[in-house]
Protein backbone atom coordinates (compact mmCIF):
# COMPACT_ATOMS: atom_id res chain seq x y z
CA MET A 1 -24.42 -1.12 38.12
CA HIS A 2 -21.87 -2.41 35.65
CA ARG A 3 -22.92 -5.16 33.28
CA LEU A 4 -20.36 -7.35 31.61
CA HIS A 5 -21.00 -8.34 28.01
CA ARG A 6 -18.91 -11.29 26.96
CA PRO A 7 -17.47 -10.91 23.45
CA PRO A 8 -18.46 -13.78 21.15
CA CYS A 9 -15.92 -16.57 20.93
CA PRO A 10 -15.18 -18.27 17.63
CA PRO A 11 -17.98 -20.76 16.88
CA THR A 12 -17.44 -24.24 18.24
CA SER A 13 -18.04 -27.41 16.30
CA ASP A 14 -21.47 -28.96 16.60
CA PHE A 15 -22.57 -32.58 16.96
CA ALA A 16 -22.74 -33.07 13.21
CA GLN A 17 -19.05 -32.22 12.99
CA VAL A 18 -18.22 -34.73 15.71
CA ARG A 19 -20.00 -37.37 13.65
CA ILE A 20 -17.74 -36.39 10.74
CA LEU A 21 -14.70 -36.73 12.95
CA PHE A 22 -15.65 -40.17 14.25
CA PRO A 23 -17.28 -42.34 11.58
CA ASP A 24 -18.01 -45.86 12.79
CA ASP A 25 -15.14 -47.41 10.88
CA SER A 26 -12.39 -44.93 11.77
CA LEU A 27 -12.63 -44.21 15.48
CA GLY A 28 -9.18 -45.60 16.10
CA GLU A 29 -7.69 -43.36 13.43
CA ASN A 30 -9.06 -40.23 15.08
CA MET A 31 -7.97 -40.67 18.68
CA GLU A 32 -6.11 -37.37 18.35
CA ALA A 33 -9.40 -35.51 18.13
CA LEU A 34 -10.81 -37.40 21.12
CA ILE A 35 -7.74 -36.53 23.19
CA VAL A 36 -8.05 -32.89 22.21
CA LEU A 37 -11.70 -32.85 23.28
CA ILE A 38 -10.86 -34.37 26.65
CA VAL A 39 -7.88 -32.11 27.34
CA PHE A 40 -9.52 -28.85 26.37
CA GLY A 41 -12.80 -29.81 28.00
CA SER A 42 -10.95 -30.63 31.19
CA ILE A 43 -9.13 -27.30 31.20
CA THR A 44 -12.34 -25.37 30.74
CA SER A 45 -14.54 -27.26 33.20
CA TRP A 46 -12.13 -28.34 35.95
CA ILE A 47 -9.86 -25.33 36.15
CA LEU A 48 -11.64 -22.31 34.73
CA GLY A 49 -15.21 -23.31 35.50
CA PRO A 50 -15.18 -23.21 39.33
CA SER A 51 -13.19 -19.99 39.46
CA PHE A 52 -15.45 -18.33 36.91
CA LEU A 53 -18.61 -19.38 38.77
CA LYS A 54 -17.18 -18.20 42.08
CA GLN A 55 -16.52 -14.73 40.68
CA ARG A 56 -19.99 -14.61 39.14
CA GLU A 57 -21.60 -15.63 42.43
CA ARG A 58 -19.78 -12.84 44.27
CA MET A 59 -20.98 -10.36 41.66
CA LYS A 60 -24.57 -11.47 42.27
CA GLN A 61 -24.12 -10.95 46.01
CA LEU A 62 -22.88 -7.41 45.46
CA GLU A 63 -25.78 -6.65 43.16
CA ALA A 64 -28.28 -8.00 45.71
CA GLN A 65 -26.77 -5.92 48.52
CA GLY A 66 -26.88 -2.74 46.48
CA GLY A 67 -25.26 0.30 48.02
CA GLY A 68 -22.52 2.46 46.63
CA SER A 69 -19.64 2.46 49.08
CA LYS A 70 -16.20 3.02 47.64
CA LEU A 71 -15.09 -0.35 49.03
CA LYS A 72 -17.89 -2.22 47.29
CA ALA A 73 -17.31 -0.29 44.08
CA ALA A 74 -13.60 -1.11 44.18
CA GLU A 75 -14.29 -4.78 44.88
CA GLN A 76 -16.86 -4.87 42.10
CA GLU A 77 -14.41 -3.40 39.60
CA GLU A 78 -11.75 -5.92 40.67
CA LEU A 79 -14.22 -8.75 40.19
CA LEU A 80 -15.17 -7.41 36.78
CA GLU A 81 -11.51 -7.48 35.74
CA ARG A 82 -11.13 -11.05 37.00
CA ILE A 83 -14.22 -12.14 35.07
CA ARG A 84 -12.96 -10.45 31.91
CA HIS A 85 -9.63 -12.26 32.30
CA LEU A 86 -11.31 -15.63 32.84
CA GLU A 87 -13.64 -15.15 29.88
CA THR A 88 -10.68 -14.25 27.70
CA ILE A 89 -8.97 -17.51 28.69
CA VAL A 90 -12.17 -19.49 28.04
CA CYS A 91 -12.54 -17.84 24.65
CA SER A 92 -8.90 -18.61 23.85
CA VAL A 93 -9.33 -22.26 24.81
CA ASP A 94 -12.51 -22.40 22.73
CA PHE A 95 -10.61 -20.87 19.78
CA GLU A 96 -7.81 -23.43 20.07
CA LEU A 97 -10.23 -26.34 20.36
CA ASN A 98 -12.34 -25.20 17.43
CA ALA A 99 -9.35 -24.75 15.17
CA LYS A 100 -7.94 -28.17 16.05
CA LEU A 101 -11.26 -29.90 15.46
CA ASN A 102 -11.77 -28.05 12.20
CA ARG A 103 -8.40 -29.13 10.83
CA ILE A 104 -9.19 -32.77 11.59
CA ALA A 105 -12.77 -32.46 10.36
CA THR A 106 -11.65 -30.91 7.08
CA HIS A 107 -9.21 -33.78 6.61
CA GLN A 108 -12.01 -36.29 7.28
CA LEU A 109 -14.35 -34.56 4.82
CA MET A 110 -11.82 -35.04 2.06
CA LEU A 111 -11.01 -38.68 2.82
CA PRO A 112 -14.24 -40.22 1.46
CA ALA A 113 -13.59 -38.67 -1.94
CA LEU A 114 -10.20 -40.32 -2.26
CA LYS A 115 -11.23 -43.66 -3.66
CA ASN A 116 -9.00 -45.62 -6.03
CA GLU A 117 -9.91 -43.62 -9.11
CA ASP A 118 -9.45 -40.33 -7.21
CA LEU A 119 -6.06 -41.41 -5.96
CA ALA A 120 -5.07 -42.03 -9.55
CA GLU A 121 -6.20 -38.52 -10.45
CA ALA A 122 -4.28 -37.04 -7.53
CA GLN A 123 -1.17 -38.88 -8.67
CA THR A 124 -1.61 -37.37 -12.14
CA MET A 125 -0.81 -33.96 -10.71
CA SER A 126 2.55 -34.96 -9.27
CA SER A 127 3.39 -37.00 -12.38
CA LEU A 128 3.32 -34.01 -14.75
CA VAL A 129 6.85 -33.62 -16.05
CA SER A 130 8.74 -31.29 -18.32
CA GLY A 131 7.66 -31.70 -21.95
CA GLN A 132 4.33 -33.36 -21.07
CA ARG A 133 1.21 -32.06 -22.81
CA PHE A 134 -1.78 -31.28 -20.62
CA ALA A 135 -5.38 -30.50 -21.62
CA GLU A 136 -4.36 -30.74 -25.28
CA ARG A 137 -2.82 -27.25 -25.29
CA TYR A 138 -0.32 -26.76 -22.43
CA VAL A 139 3.24 -28.05 -22.59
CA ILE A 140 4.70 -28.35 -19.11
CA GLU A 141 8.09 -26.69 -18.61
CA THR A 142 8.70 -26.95 -14.86
CA SER A 143 6.97 -27.15 -11.50
CA ILE A 144 6.94 -23.85 -9.59
CA GLY A 145 5.47 -24.94 -6.28
CA LEU A 146 3.12 -27.28 -4.46
CA GLY A 147 0.49 -26.10 -1.99
CA GLY A 148 -2.58 -27.32 -0.15
CA MET A 149 -4.85 -26.55 -3.10
CA GLY A 150 -2.67 -28.09 -5.78
CA GLU A 151 0.41 -27.39 -7.85
CA VAL A 152 1.60 -24.53 -10.06
CA PHE A 153 3.56 -25.10 -13.25
CA LYS A 154 5.29 -22.93 -15.77
CA ALA A 155 3.89 -24.04 -19.12
CA ARG A 156 3.58 -22.96 -22.72
CA ASP A 157 0.07 -22.37 -24.02
CA GLU A 158 0.14 -23.58 -27.62
CA GLU A 159 -3.07 -21.73 -28.48
CA LEU A 160 -1.88 -18.37 -27.14
CA ASN A 161 1.72 -19.14 -28.09
CA GLU A 162 3.06 -17.74 -24.83
CA VAL A 163 4.31 -18.87 -21.45
CA VAL A 164 1.67 -19.06 -18.70
CA ALA A 165 1.37 -20.04 -15.06
CA LEU A 166 -0.80 -23.16 -14.85
CA LYS A 167 -2.50 -23.81 -11.52
CA LEU A 168 -3.95 -27.30 -11.01
CA ILE A 169 -6.52 -27.80 -8.25
CA ARG A 170 -7.57 -31.12 -6.78
CA ASP A 171 -11.27 -31.95 -6.96
CA ALA A 172 -11.26 -32.66 -3.22
CA HIS A 173 -11.59 -28.89 -2.80
CA LEU A 174 -14.73 -28.84 -4.94
CA SER A 175 -16.93 -31.51 -3.45
CA SER A 176 -20.26 -30.55 -5.04
CA PRO A 177 -21.52 -29.10 -8.34
CA ASP A 178 -22.84 -26.02 -6.52
CA ILE A 179 -19.44 -25.25 -5.03
CA LEU A 180 -17.75 -25.78 -8.40
CA GLU A 181 -20.24 -23.42 -10.06
CA ARG A 182 -19.70 -20.73 -7.43
CA PHE A 183 -15.95 -21.06 -7.90
CA ARG A 184 -16.31 -20.76 -11.67
CA ARG A 185 -18.37 -17.60 -11.26
CA GLU A 186 -15.78 -16.09 -8.91
CA VAL A 187 -12.88 -16.79 -11.28
CA THR A 188 -14.90 -15.57 -14.25
CA ALA A 189 -15.58 -12.30 -12.42
CA ALA A 190 -11.90 -11.96 -11.56
CA ARG A 191 -10.99 -12.57 -15.19
CA ARG A 192 -13.01 -9.50 -16.19
CA VAL A 193 -10.85 -7.22 -14.03
CA GLN A 194 -8.29 -5.73 -16.37
CA HIS A 195 -5.61 -3.81 -14.48
CA PRO A 196 -1.86 -3.44 -15.02
CA ASN A 197 -1.21 -4.48 -11.40
CA ILE A 198 -3.36 -7.62 -11.44
CA VAL A 199 -2.20 -10.85 -13.04
CA ARG A 200 -4.53 -11.72 -15.91
CA ILE A 201 -6.52 -14.96 -15.83
CA PHE A 202 -6.68 -16.54 -19.27
CA ASP A 203 -8.69 -19.71 -18.90
CA LEU A 204 -10.53 -21.99 -16.49
CA GLY A 205 -11.15 -25.62 -17.36
CA LYS A 206 -10.99 -29.26 -16.35
CA ALA A 207 -8.89 -32.08 -17.76
CA ASP A 208 -7.81 -35.50 -16.51
CA GLY A 209 -9.90 -35.06 -13.37
CA LEU A 210 -8.17 -31.78 -12.46
CA LEU A 211 -9.50 -28.27 -12.44
CA PHE A 212 -6.98 -25.86 -13.92
CA ILE A 213 -6.53 -22.11 -14.24
CA SER A 214 -4.07 -20.54 -16.65
CA MET A 215 -2.69 -17.12 -15.76
CA GLU A 216 -0.25 -14.51 -16.97
CA TRP A 217 3.34 -15.55 -16.34
CA VAL A 218 5.33 -12.95 -14.40
CA GLU A 219 9.10 -13.10 -14.56
CA GLY A 220 10.43 -11.78 -11.28
CA ASP A 221 10.46 -12.14 -7.53
CA SER A 222 7.70 -11.90 -4.97
CA LEU A 223 7.45 -9.06 -2.47
CA ARG A 224 8.36 -11.62 0.18
CA GLU A 225 11.68 -12.30 -1.52
CA MET A 226 12.40 -8.57 -1.70
CA MET A 227 11.63 -8.25 2.02
CA ARG A 228 13.98 -11.13 2.80
CA ARG A 229 16.81 -9.34 1.03
CA GLN A 230 16.09 -6.03 2.72
CA ALA A 231 14.52 -6.39 6.16
CA ARG A 232 13.37 -2.77 6.34
CA LEU A 233 12.39 -0.54 3.48
CA PRO A 234 12.47 3.28 3.66
CA ALA A 235 9.16 5.11 3.31
CA ARG A 236 10.23 6.55 -0.06
CA SER A 237 10.54 2.98 -1.40
CA VAL A 238 7.33 1.75 0.21
CA ALA A 239 5.14 4.56 -1.18
CA PRO A 240 5.21 3.52 -4.88
CA LEU A 241 4.61 -0.12 -3.93
CA ALA A 242 1.62 0.80 -1.74
CA ARG A 243 0.26 3.01 -4.52
CA GLN A 244 0.25 0.14 -7.02
CA ILE A 245 -1.32 -2.34 -4.59
CA LEU A 246 -4.08 0.12 -3.68
CA SER A 247 -4.75 0.84 -7.33
CA ALA A 248 -5.17 -2.89 -7.99
CA LEU A 249 -7.36 -3.41 -4.92
CA GLY A 250 -9.55 -0.48 -5.92
CA ALA A 251 -10.21 -2.01 -9.35
CA ALA A 252 -10.98 -5.43 -7.87
CA HIS A 253 -13.24 -4.05 -5.15
CA ASP A 254 -15.14 -1.98 -7.71
CA ALA A 255 -15.82 -5.27 -9.50
CA GLY A 256 -17.14 -6.78 -6.26
CA ILE A 257 -14.10 -8.98 -5.61
CA VAL A 258 -12.33 -9.20 -2.26
CA HIS A 259 -8.94 -10.92 -2.34
CA ARG A 260 -9.14 -12.45 1.19
CA ASP A 261 -5.52 -13.65 1.22
CA LEU A 262 -3.36 -10.62 0.50
CA LYS A 263 0.22 -11.24 1.67
CA PRO A 264 3.76 -10.62 0.36
CA GLU A 265 3.81 -14.03 -1.34
CA ASN A 266 0.81 -12.97 -3.47
CA VAL A 267 2.48 -9.80 -4.73
CA LEU A 268 4.89 -10.30 -7.63
CA ILE A 269 7.45 -7.75 -8.77
CA ALA A 270 8.01 -7.68 -12.52
CA SER A 271 10.65 -5.72 -14.40
CA GLY A 272 10.59 -1.98 -13.83
CA GLN A 273 9.28 -2.45 -10.26
CA VAL A 274 5.77 -3.14 -11.61
CA LEU A 275 3.72 -5.01 -9.01
CA LYS A 276 1.30 -7.79 -9.93
CA LEU A 277 -1.26 -9.17 -7.49
CA ILE A 278 -2.06 -12.84 -7.94
CA ASP A 279 -4.81 -15.23 -6.89
CA PHE A 280 -7.77 -12.86 -7.16
CA GLY A 281 -10.86 -15.03 -7.27
CA ILE A 282 -8.88 -18.12 -6.36
CA ALA A 283 -8.62 -17.25 -2.67
CA LYS A 284 -12.37 -17.67 -2.27
CA LEU A 285 -12.00 -21.38 -2.94
CA GLU A 286 -10.71 -21.71 0.61
CA HIS A 287 -13.94 -20.22 1.94
CA LEU A 288 -16.48 -22.26 0.00
CA GLU A 289 -18.87 -24.72 1.58
CA SER A 290 -16.62 -27.75 1.21
CA LEU A 291 -14.50 -26.30 3.99
CA THR A 292 -16.78 -23.81 5.72
CA ALA A 293 -19.22 -26.62 6.45
CA THR A 294 -16.84 -27.23 9.34
CA ARG A 295 -16.64 -23.48 10.12
CA SER A 296 -12.91 -23.63 9.44
CA ILE A 297 -10.79 -20.53 9.84
CA LEU A 298 -8.48 -20.52 6.84
CA GLY A 299 -5.96 -18.10 5.47
CA THR A 300 -2.63 -16.67 6.58
CA PRO A 301 -3.06 -15.61 10.23
CA GLU A 302 -0.28 -13.00 10.15
CA TYR A 303 -2.28 -10.94 7.63
CA MET A 304 -5.87 -11.81 8.51
CA ALA A 305 -8.27 -9.18 9.84
CA PRO A 306 -10.10 -9.92 13.11
CA GLU A 307 -13.47 -10.34 11.37
CA GLN A 308 -11.93 -12.89 9.02
CA ILE A 309 -10.39 -14.82 11.91
CA ARG A 310 -13.77 -14.88 13.67
CA GLY A 311 -15.42 -16.29 10.56
CA GLU A 312 -17.51 -13.17 9.96
CA ALA A 313 -18.33 -11.52 6.64
CA VAL A 314 -15.43 -9.87 4.82
CA ASP A 315 -15.45 -6.76 2.65
CA PRO A 316 -12.85 -4.48 0.99
CA ARG A 317 -11.69 -3.24 4.40
CA THR A 318 -10.46 -6.77 5.11
CA ASP A 319 -7.97 -6.44 2.25
CA LEU A 320 -6.97 -2.96 3.45
CA TYR A 321 -6.18 -4.43 6.88
CA ALA A 322 -3.93 -7.03 5.24
CA LEU A 323 -2.18 -4.30 3.27
CA GLY A 324 -1.69 -2.35 6.51
CA ILE A 325 0.04 -5.38 8.03
CA ILE A 326 2.28 -5.67 4.95
CA LEU A 327 3.20 -1.96 5.17
CA TYR A 328 3.94 -2.31 8.89
CA GLU A 329 6.25 -5.23 8.13
CA MET A 330 8.01 -3.46 5.27
CA LEU A 331 8.64 -0.27 7.27
CA SER A 332 9.65 -1.89 10.57
CA GLY A 333 11.10 -5.23 9.54
CA LYS A 334 8.71 -7.09 11.86
CA LEU A 335 5.08 -8.11 12.09
CA PRO A 336 2.82 -6.22 14.50
CA PHE A 337 1.41 -9.43 15.99
CA SER A 338 3.25 -12.62 16.83
CA GLY A 339 2.65 -15.85 18.71
CA SER A 340 3.91 -19.35 19.27
CA SER A 341 1.29 -20.82 16.93
CA PRO A 342 -1.05 -19.65 14.14
CA ILE A 343 -3.90 -19.70 16.66
CA ALA A 344 -1.94 -17.47 19.03
CA VAL A 345 -1.24 -15.05 16.20
CA GLY A 346 -4.90 -14.95 15.22
CA PHE A 347 -5.94 -14.38 18.81
CA ALA A 348 -3.48 -11.48 19.05
CA HIS A 349 -5.10 -9.84 16.01
CA CYS A 350 -8.47 -10.05 17.75
CA THR A 351 -7.44 -8.88 21.23
CA GLN A 352 -4.27 -6.79 21.07
CA THR A 353 -3.34 -3.35 19.78
CA ALA A 354 -0.12 -3.12 17.77
CA GLU A 355 2.68 -0.90 18.98
CA PRO A 356 2.72 2.32 16.92
CA LEU A 357 5.22 2.16 14.09
CA HIS A 358 7.19 5.22 15.19
CA GLY A 359 7.82 3.43 18.49
CA VAL A 360 9.16 0.32 16.75
CA ALA A 361 11.43 1.84 14.12
CA ASP A 362 12.58 5.14 12.71
CA VAL A 363 9.39 5.74 10.76
CA PRO A 364 7.83 9.17 10.12
CA GLU A 365 4.81 9.81 12.33
CA ALA A 366 2.64 10.42 9.27
CA TRP A 367 3.38 6.89 8.07
CA SER A 368 2.84 5.50 11.55
CA ALA A 369 -0.62 7.08 11.82
CA TYR A 370 -1.45 5.96 8.28
CA VAL A 371 -0.60 2.32 8.91
CA MET A 372 -2.14 2.19 12.39
CA LYS A 373 -5.49 3.34 10.99
CA ALA A 374 -5.35 0.63 8.34
CA ILE A 375 -4.86 -2.09 10.97
CA SER A 376 -7.57 -0.93 13.36
CA ARG A 377 -9.43 -3.92 14.81
CA ALA A 378 -12.85 -2.45 14.00
CA PRO A 379 -13.51 -2.25 10.25
CA ASP A 380 -15.37 1.07 10.57
CA GLN A 381 -12.23 2.65 12.02
CA ARG A 382 -10.16 1.76 8.95
CA TYR A 383 -10.13 3.47 5.58
CA ALA A 384 -13.51 2.97 3.93
CA SER A 385 -12.08 2.11 0.50
CA ALA A 386 -8.86 1.59 -1.41
CA GLN A 387 -9.43 4.96 -3.07
CA GLU A 388 -9.64 6.68 0.32
CA MET A 389 -6.51 4.93 1.55
CA LEU A 390 -4.69 5.85 -1.66
CA ALA A 391 -5.68 9.52 -1.28
CA ALA A 392 -4.35 9.50 2.29
CA LEU A 393 -0.97 7.98 1.35
CA PRO A 394 1.78 10.09 2.96
CA SER A 395 3.82 12.16 0.52
CA SER A 396 7.10 11.55 2.34
């Protein structure tokens, strides 16, 4: 007799999270979350629930009757397929609901910290202008970009007498001393990794209510910008890029550091086609307790491994999966998984198998097999290490 084992859905928010979402004084401001709960709950219980229970009840009847006729076996297999389909839908709805609640819950967690004095500190970040001196050693030259964690500036370090990239991070991301200490340890560990393909971290500190990290300044474009200029890259051009990225990942993994957010935007191309990976050690900030208290799924869905999307433990093979996605995109000009929303993309990573590269574009079969192994859903079916993946890199 067949037994159906339902795959685990992404964890749903618990009652404590709901209390975060709806504090007594802000119920009206969070009606969006309440509507989401009602809508998704209605879909699951009113539409999927009865159909799911009906199929389960029929399965129980078949099991009680026993027997092995071909008709019963065929009906049983058909019911199994229906149940699998329904459970997939339920899991998808659960995934959508959890992600929506987590986004709102994360926002609510940060709101209490933004009192008047914190708002002043937050404004300090956006008020840094060219020529301004920060932390008694950095002279701001220009703003490079603003993200969810903070802002990046090009600045001159008067102590080192050289240009650096200065990343400022809001304290809202570091809501407790324990989290701050863990983050410091992670960045300190990353700073010890000396590799020509990894951007050096010079300093970590705090000034004017802002945590800052100073890093090596790289003059050049990102891999993303290169890919925008040339939609598809030939294998002969991809090979040296992959070799440098794998060399950098190998050094970081040997030091016990997993990047967690490897993507074309985090790969810089300096003069001489020298690649530099950025944000080692910094990516873990998005996975610390200030956000994972809500079991949030954070990162860039297009490049996230299934275990990362499900909120499970990550290891070096998670980075190798992300690199496999990047290679797929470089060689074919398209991503292997797509969707109408980040959640849909993440769900595709967890449930679908990418079309082989040689079926998408004119890519040598050796490269197709190489990349497809790297993006296997199960970590134990991928390359075990960056060194192994480097050794298997196709020669043509």
